Every structure is written in structure tokens, then in C-alpha cells.
Amino acid sequence: MPLNKPVTLRQAAQSGRLKTYLSRYLADCRPDPDGDSRRQSGSFPNPAGFCRWLGCGLSEVEALRQADPDAADYLAAVMEDEALNHKAQLSPTVLNAYLKRRLGYADKAEAATADCGGLQVVFEHDIGEDGE
């Protein structure tokens, strides 16, 4: 259930309520524990959804990044973790594209030649085939 009174991300961070609001938003995204788990996956947690829940726009994410980089980093980390671990699993295609972007690879050629300090990450197979 969205907040009754609109709040900006900056206001939430300044008041010390960002974590509380974020926890409430994430709880609202989770499926009803009494519902049919096979049919219900809840809402997909994301920054746009959180801003909508607060009653502000996405421009607030950049405003928070400028005003309070640590709070913005925390928000991004929580959203990323929640999205990657959401009950409705991401398709292998979406996850593969996300990981490529997140790790800074634009295509397979870059991934194959990139040096990550001794660690080389290459996406050449369907990661969904590996199981959980």
C-alpha cells in the first residue's frame, strides 16, 4: 500500500526513514503468503516502483545520488539484490543481458578479451541450463 503523503527519496534519506520505507515497499511486492504460490509471484521490485510507491518520480534517484551517494548506493544494492532473488525467476536471456551490462561487457568479443585481474567472465552458454 503506497504512502498516504508523497515523500521524495531525499526526504526519506534525510529523515532516516529510507530503510523503513524500502522494507515496507519490498514487503508490498512479495506475494501473499496465504495465496496460491503457483499462480502468485508478487510485484517485481524496482526503483521505478519504489518511487511510485513513495509518490515521487524517477528524477529523485539522480537527486538522491547527488545529495547522498551512500543512500543511493544502498538503494541500488537492495533493489538489485531483490530483483535478482525475486520469486519469479528472471529468464536466462534477461539475466545474461543484465550480467553483461552490470559487469561492463557490451558483447561476447569484449567478454572474451577483457582482463578482470586474473578473472575472466565469458557468457557463451545458456545460464538457465546450469540449474539453480
C-alpha atoms as a PDB file:
ATOM      1  CA  MET A   1       0.000   0.000   0.000  1.00  0.00           C
ATOM      2  CA  PRO A   2       1.609   3.273  -1.127  1.00  0.00           C
ATOM      3  CA  LEU A   3       2.263   6.055   1.342  1.00  0.00           C
ATOM      4  CA  ASN A   4      -0.612   8.428   2.033  1.00  0.00           C
ATOM      5  CA  LYS A   5       1.564  11.501   1.673  1.00  0.00           C
ATOM      6  CA  PRO A   6       4.135  11.767  -1.145  1.00  0.00           C
ATOM      7  CA  VAL A   7       7.767  11.644   0.001  1.00  0.00           C
ATOM      8  CA  THR A   8      10.903  12.222  -2.058  1.00  0.00           C
ATOM      9  CA  LEU A   9      13.878   9.885  -1.804  1.00  0.00           C
ATOM     10  CA  ARG A  10      15.924  12.747  -0.398  1.00  0.00           C
ATOM     11  CA  GLN A  11      13.342  13.403   2.304  1.00  0.00           C
ATOM     12  CA  ALA A  12      13.262   9.702   3.170  1.00  0.00           C
ATOM     13  CA  ALA A  13      17.063   9.583   3.461  1.00  0.00           C
ATOM     14  CA  GLN A  14      17.303  12.858   5.431  1.00  0.00           C
ATOM     15  CA  SER A  15      14.636  11.740   7.887  1.00  0.00           C
ATOM     16  CA  GLY A  16      16.319   8.356   8.405  1.00  0.00           C
ATOM     17  CA  ARG A  17      13.257   6.533   7.053  1.00  0.00           C
ATOM     18  CA  LEU A  18      14.650   5.325   3.715  1.00  0.00           C
ATOM     19  CA  LYS A  19      15.330   1.794   5.011  1.00  0.00           C
ATOM     20  CA  THR A  20      11.913   1.628   6.679  1.00  0.00           C
ATOM     21  CA  TYR A  21      10.105   2.785   3.547  1.00  0.00           C
ATOM     22  CA  LEU A  22      12.158   0.441   1.398  1.00  0.00           C
ATOM     23  CA  SER A  23      11.334  -2.509   3.678  1.00  0.00           C
ATOM     24  CA  ARG A  24       7.632  -1.662   3.523  1.00  0.00           C
ATOM     25  CA  TYR A  25       7.744  -1.368  -0.274  1.00  0.00           C
ATOM     26  CA  LEU A  26       9.522  -4.714  -0.601  1.00  0.00           C
ATOM     27  CA  ALA A  27       7.005  -6.347   1.723  1.00  0.00           C
ATOM     28  CA  ASP A  28       4.219  -4.992  -0.505  1.00  0.00           C
ATOM     29  CA  CYS A  29       5.962  -6.558  -3.525  1.00  0.00           C
ATOM     30  CA  ARG A  30       6.067 -10.034  -2.011  1.00  0.00           C
ATOM     31  CA  PRO A  31       3.225 -12.423  -2.795  1.00  0.00           C
ATOM     32  CA  ASP A  32       0.509 -13.064  -0.245  1.00  0.00           C
ATOM     33  CA  PRO A  33       1.765 -15.962   1.901  1.00  0.00           C
ATOM     34  CA  ASP A  34      -1.779 -17.333   2.070  1.00  0.00           C
ATOM     35  CA  GLY A  35      -2.255 -17.213  -1.718  1.00  0.00           C
ATOM     36  CA  ASP A  36      -1.623 -19.914  -4.317  1.00  0.00           C
ATOM     37  CA  SER A  37       2.176 -19.894  -4.672  1.00  0.00           C
ATOM     38  CA  ARG A  38       1.988 -21.417  -8.158  1.00  0.00           C
ATOM     39  CA  ARG A  39      -0.038 -18.517  -9.518  1.00  0.00           C
ATOM     40  CA  GLN A  40       1.239 -15.615  -7.482  1.00  0.00           C
ATOM     41  CA  SER A  41       4.711 -14.128  -7.807  1.00  0.00           C
ATOM     42  CA  GLY A  42       4.117 -10.664  -6.347  1.00  0.00           C
ATOM     43  CA  SER A  43       5.258  -7.415  -7.925  1.00  0.00           C
ATOM     44  CA  PHE A  44       8.747  -7.122  -9.346  1.00  0.00           C
ATOM     45  CA  PRO A  45      10.711  -4.766  -7.038  1.00  0.00           C
ATOM     46  CA  ASN A  46      12.409  -1.935  -8.915  1.00  0.00           C
ATOM     47  CA  PRO A  47      13.412   1.705  -8.434  1.00  0.00           C
ATOM     48  CA  ALA A  48      10.520   2.988 -10.563  1.00  0.00           C
ATOM     49  CA  GLY A  49       8.043   1.018  -8.474  1.00  0.00           C
ATOM     50  CA  PHE A  50       9.593   2.312  -5.267  1.00  0.00           C
ATOM     51  CA  CYS A  51       9.380   5.907  -6.486  1.00  0.00           C
ATOM     52  CA  ARG A  52       5.764   5.378  -7.470  1.00  0.00           C
ATOM     53  CA  TRP A  53       5.076   3.846  -4.049  1.00  0.00           C
ATOM     54  CA  LEU A  54       6.626   6.901  -2.372  1.00  0.00           C
ATOM     55  CA  GLY A  55       4.744   9.283  -4.645  1.00  0.00           C
ATOM     56  CA  CYS A  56       7.758  10.780  -6.410  1.00  0.00           C
ATOM     57  CA  GLY A  57       9.362  10.453  -9.838  1.00  0.00           C
ATOM     58  CA  LEU A  58      12.493   8.742 -11.100  1.00  0.00           C
ATOM     59  CA  SER A  59      14.366  12.051 -11.200  1.00  0.00           C
ATOM     60  CA  GLU A  60      14.593  11.578  -7.431  1.00  0.00           C
ATOM     61  CA  VAL A  61      17.042   8.686  -7.901  1.00  0.00           C
ATOM     62  CA  GLU A  62      19.593  11.025  -9.506  1.00  0.00           C
ATOM     63  CA  ALA A  63      18.801  13.777  -6.978  1.00  0.00           C
ATOM     64  CA  LEU A  64      19.484  11.301  -4.149  1.00  0.00           C
ATOM     65  CA  ARG A  65      22.716  10.214  -5.839  1.00  0.00           C
ATOM     66  CA  GLN A  66      23.865  13.846  -5.836  1.00  0.00           C
ATOM     67  CA  ALA A  67      22.694  14.660  -2.293  1.00  0.00           C
ATOM     68  CA  ASP A  68      23.536  11.393  -0.519  1.00  0.00           C
ATOM     69  CA  PRO A  69      25.670   8.976  -2.587  1.00  0.00           C
ATOM     70  CA  ASP A  70      25.787   6.377   0.211  1.00  0.00           C
ATOM     71  CA  ALA A  71      21.993   6.234   0.477  1.00  0.00           C
ATOM     72  CA  ALA A  72      21.683   5.996  -3.317  1.00  0.00           C
ATOM     73  CA  ASP A  73      24.246   3.179  -3.385  1.00  0.00           C
ATOM     74  CA  TYR A  74      22.348   1.344  -0.636  1.00  0.00           C
ATOM     75  CA  LEU A  75      19.080   1.752  -2.544  1.00  0.00           C
ATOM     76  CA  ALA A  76      20.673   0.419  -5.748  1.00  0.00           C
ATOM     77  CA  ALA A  77      22.220  -2.565  -3.942  1.00  0.00           C
ATOM     78  CA  VAL A  78      18.950  -3.543  -2.258  1.00  0.00           C
ATOM     79  CA  MET A  79      16.968  -3.181  -5.478  1.00  0.00           C
ATOM     80  CA  GLU A  80      19.500  -5.250  -7.400  1.00  0.00           C
ATOM     81  CA  ASP A  81      19.516  -7.991  -4.768  1.00  0.00           C
ATOM     82  CA  GLU A  82      15.717  -8.090  -4.576  1.00  0.00           C
ATOM     83  CA  ALA A  83      15.362  -8.204  -8.356  1.00  0.00           C
ATOM     84  CA  LEU A  84      17.915 -10.993  -8.761  1.00  0.00           C
ATOM     85  CA  ASN A  85      16.363 -13.049  -5.979  1.00  0.00           C
ATOM     86  CA  HIS A  86      12.700 -12.361  -6.772  1.00  0.00           C
ATOM     87  CA  LYS A  87      10.441 -15.404  -6.596  1.00  0.00           C
ATOM     88  CA  ALA A  88       9.517 -15.078 -10.270  1.00  0.00           C
ATOM     89  CA  GLN A  89      12.911 -16.018 -11.668  1.00  0.00           C
ATOM     90  CA  LEU A  90      14.320 -13.880 -14.437  1.00  0.00           C
ATOM     91  CA  SER A  91      14.575 -15.551 -17.811  1.00  0.00           C
ATOM     92  CA  PRO A  92      18.110 -16.659 -18.729  1.00  0.00           C
ATOM     93  CA  THR A  93      18.113 -14.121 -21.567  1.00  0.00           C
ATOM     94  CA  VAL A  94      17.288 -11.214 -19.259  1.00  0.00           C
ATOM     95  CA  LEU A  95      19.734 -12.399 -16.591  1.00  0.00           C
ATOM     96  CA  ASN A  96      22.501 -12.856 -19.170  1.00  0.00           C
ATOM     97  CA  ALA A  97      21.927  -9.357 -20.591  1.00  0.00           C
ATOM     98  CA  TYR A  98      21.814  -7.888 -17.090  1.00  0.00           C
ATOM     99  CA  LEU A  99      25.065  -9.547 -16.005  1.00  0.00           C
ATOM    100  CA  LYS A 100      26.825  -8.458 -19.189  1.00  0.00           C
ATOM    101  CA  ARG A 101      25.731  -4.866 -18.605  1.00  0.00           C
ATOM    102  CA  ARG A 102      26.431  -4.967 -14.864  1.00  0.00           C
ATOM    103  CA  LEU A 103      29.925  -6.369 -15.409  1.00  0.00           C
ATOM    104  CA  GLY A 104      30.621  -3.864 -18.179  1.00  0.00           C
ATOM    105  CA  TYR A 105      30.627  -6.122 -21.244  1.00  0.00           C
ATOM    106  CA  ALA A 106      28.855  -4.967 -24.380  1.00  0.00           C
ATOM    107  CA  ASP A 107      29.266  -8.196 -26.345  1.00  0.00           C
ATOM    108  CA  LYS A 108      30.920 -11.634 -26.322  1.00  0.00           C
ATOM    109  CA  ALA A 109      34.068 -10.367 -28.049  1.00  0.00           C
ATOM    110  CA  GLU A 110      34.703  -7.888 -25.243  1.00  0.00           C
ATOM    111  CA  ALA A 111      33.941 -10.505 -22.605  1.00  0.00           C
ATOM    112  CA  ALA A 112      36.359 -12.956 -24.192  1.00  0.00           C
ATOM    113  CA  THR A 113      39.223 -10.448 -24.212  1.00  0.00           C
ATOM    114  CA  ALA A 114      38.526  -8.492 -21.027  1.00  0.00           C
ATOM    115  CA  ASP A 115      41.020  -8.778 -18.196  1.00  0.00           C
ATOM    116  CA  CYS A 116      39.421  -8.704 -14.758  1.00  0.00           C
ATOM    117  CA  GLY A 117      42.560  -9.051 -12.655  1.00  0.00           C
ATOM    118  CA  GLY A 118      43.009 -12.749 -13.369  1.00  0.00           C
ATOM    119  CA  LEU A 119      39.289 -13.480 -13.557  1.00  0.00           C
ATOM    120  CA  GLN A 120      37.781 -13.850 -16.989  1.00  0.00           C
ATOM    121  CA  VAL A 121      33.998 -13.931 -17.334  1.00  0.00           C
ATOM    122  CA  VAL A 122      32.608 -15.301 -20.595  1.00  0.00           C
ATOM    123  CA  PHE A 123      28.921 -15.769 -21.376  1.00  0.00           C
ATOM    124  CA  GLU A 124      28.782 -18.379 -24.125  1.00  0.00           C
ATOM    125  CA  HIS A 125      26.065 -20.718 -22.916  1.00  0.00           C
ATOM    126  CA  ASP A 126      22.526 -20.632 -21.635  1.00  0.00           C
ATOM    127  CA  ILE A 127      22.987 -19.991 -17.906  1.00  0.00           C
ATOM    128  CA  GLY A 128      19.496 -21.356 -17.294  1.00  0.00           C
ATOM    129  CA  GLU A 129      20.719 -24.826 -18.257  1.00  0.00           C
ATOM    130  CA  ASP A 130      23.004 -24.954 -15.209  1.00  0.00           C
ATOM    131  CA  GLY A 131      20.101 -25.201 -12.779  1.00  0.00           C
ATOM    132  CA  GLU A 132      19.781 -23.383  -9.518  1.00  0.00           C
END
